[in-house]
Structures are given as structure tokens and as C-alpha cells.
C-alpha atoms as a PDB file:
ATOM      1  CA  MET A   1       0.073   0.323  -0.190  1.00  0.00           C
ATOM      2  CA  ASN A   2       1.217   3.481  -0.764  1.00  0.00           C
ATOM      3  CA  ARG A   3      -0.231   7.053  -0.102  1.00  0.00           C
ATOM      4  CA  ILE A   4       0.633   8.692  -3.208  1.00  0.00           C
ATOM      5  CA  LYS A   5      -3.084   9.822  -3.823  1.00  0.00           C
ATOM      6  CA  GLU A   6      -3.186  11.251  -0.311  1.00  0.00           C
ATOM      7  CA  VAL A   7       0.127  13.166  -0.843  1.00  0.00           C
ATOM      8  CA  LEU A   8      -1.235  14.529  -4.447  1.00  0.00           C
ATOM      9  CA  GLU A   9      -4.326  15.942  -2.417  1.00  0.00           C
ATOM     10  CA  GLU A  10      -2.486  17.172   0.443  1.00  0.00           C
ATOM     11  CA  LYS A  11      -0.103  19.123  -2.278  1.00  0.00           C
ATOM     12  CA  GLY A  12      -2.956  20.339  -4.579  1.00  0.00           C
ATOM     13  CA  ILE A  13      -1.025  18.227  -7.215  1.00  0.00           C
ATOM     14  CA  LYS A  14      -2.937  16.255 -10.184  1.00  0.00           C
ATOM     15  CA  GLN A  15      -1.989  13.132 -11.335  1.00  0.00           C
ATOM     16  CA  ILE A  16      -1.647  13.995 -14.753  1.00  0.00           C
ATOM     17  CA  TRP A  17       1.303  16.805 -13.647  1.00  0.00           C
ATOM     18  CA  LEU A  18       2.978  13.704 -11.886  1.00  0.00           C
ATOM     19  CA  ALA A  19       2.509  11.550 -14.939  1.00  0.00           C
ATOM     20  CA  GLU A  20       4.357  13.727 -16.976  1.00  0.00           C
ATOM     21  CA  LYS A  21       7.330  14.735 -14.445  1.00  0.00           C
ATOM     22  CA  LEU A  22       8.080  10.824 -14.339  1.00  0.00           C
ATOM     23  CA  ASN A  23       7.400  10.255 -18.178  1.00  0.00           C
ATOM     24  CA  LYS A  24       4.668   7.904 -17.655  1.00  0.00           C
ATOM     25  CA  SER A  25       1.281   7.385 -18.569  1.00  0.00           C
ATOM     26  CA  TYR A  26      -1.697   9.102 -16.711  1.00  0.00           C
ATOM     27  CA  ASN A  27      -2.833   5.438 -16.441  1.00  0.00           C
ATOM     28  CA  MET A  28      -0.068   4.154 -14.484  1.00  0.00           C
ATOM     29  CA  VAL A  29       0.423   6.566 -12.115  1.00  0.00           C
ATOM     30  CA  ASN A  30      -3.450   6.388 -11.654  1.00  0.00           C
ATOM     31  CA  GLY A  31      -2.846   2.772 -11.105  1.00  0.00           C
ATOM     32  CA  TYR A  32      -0.291   3.827  -8.426  1.00  0.00           C
ATOM     33  CA  ALA A  33      -2.625   6.216  -6.686  1.00  0.00           C
ATOM     34  CA  LYS A  34      -5.497   3.808  -6.482  1.00  0.00           C
ATOM     35  CA  ASN A  35      -3.304   1.052  -5.117  1.00  0.00           C
ATOM     36  CA  ARG A  36      -3.847  -1.201  -8.141  1.00  0.00           C
ATOM     37  CA  ARG A  37       0.047  -1.728  -8.865  1.00  0.00           C
ATOM     38  CA  GLN A  38       2.910  -0.555  -7.098  1.00  0.00           C
ATOM     39  CA  PRO A  39       5.926   1.578  -8.083  1.00  0.00           C
ATOM     40  CA  SER A  40       9.298   0.124  -8.341  1.00  0.00           C
ATOM     41  CA  LEU A  41      11.229   1.347  -5.550  1.00  0.00           C
ATOM     42  CA  GLU A  42      13.515   3.196  -7.992  1.00  0.00           C
ATOM     43  CA  LEU A  43      10.276   4.923  -9.372  1.00  0.00           C
ATOM     44  CA  LEU A  44       8.912   5.849  -5.647  1.00  0.00           C
ATOM     45  CA  ASN A  45      12.118   7.299  -4.941  1.00  0.00           C
ATOM     46  CA  GLN A  46      11.875   9.763  -7.880  1.00  0.00           C
ATOM     47  CA  ILE A  47       8.276  10.463  -6.821  1.00  0.00           C
ATOM     48  CA  ALA A  48       9.445  11.339  -3.063  1.00  0.00           C
ATOM     49  CA  GLU A  49      11.952  13.584  -4.963  1.00  0.00           C
ATOM     50  CA  ILE A  50       9.369  15.271  -7.151  1.00  0.00           C
ATOM     51  CA  LEU A  51       6.974  15.992  -4.321  1.00  0.00           C
ATOM     52  CA  ASN A  52       9.613  16.887  -2.152  1.00  0.00           C
ATOM     53  CA  VAL A  53       8.834  14.337   0.247  1.00  0.00           C
ATOM     54  CA  SER A  54      10.684  11.382   2.005  1.00  0.00           C
ATOM     55  CA  VAL A  55      10.122   7.738   0.670  1.00  0.00           C
ATOM     56  CA  LYS A  56       8.846   6.969   4.102  1.00  0.00           C
ATOM     57  CA  ASP A  57       6.081   9.735   3.350  1.00  0.00           C
ATOM     58  CA  LEU A  58       4.912   7.910   0.734  1.00  0.00           C
ATOM     59  CA  ILE A  59       3.900   4.286   2.084  1.00  0.00           C
ATOM     60  CA  ALA A  60       1.338   3.571   4.310  1.00  0.00           C
ATOM     61  CA  GLU A  61       2.110   1.939   7.571  1.00  0.00           C
ATOM     62  CA  LYS A  62       0.006  -1.621   8.165  1.00  0.00           C
ATOM     63  CA  LYS A  63      -1.960  -1.584  11.241  1.00  0.00           C
END
């Protein structure tokens, strides 16, 4: 599980913007945001850098 969607909403950033920055399709980023697929660790690092957050902020803790 990841918190990509929540972080995008907190920052007021659209998924399409993130997709363009990552050079990925909107559908792929949407899959990450909806937790239908999980990004690789390398991509998770890129997302964190683009959003100016830590990787830890993008990972949901299991309860």
C-alpha cells in the first residue's frame, strides 16, 4: 500500500502533472494512486523527490 494519492491531494497536485514529470502514462500513475499497482523502489524514490517528501511519507503503515 502507498499514500501517493493522499500526498498529491495534500499538495494540490494532479496525477497528470506527476505522470508528465515521471514520463509515465496517466493510467500508470493512476494505478499507483489507487493502489492497483505498486511502483518500483527506484520509481518511488523519483516520486518522493518530485513531490519533495521522503519515501517514508509515501508508504502507508500496516495496522
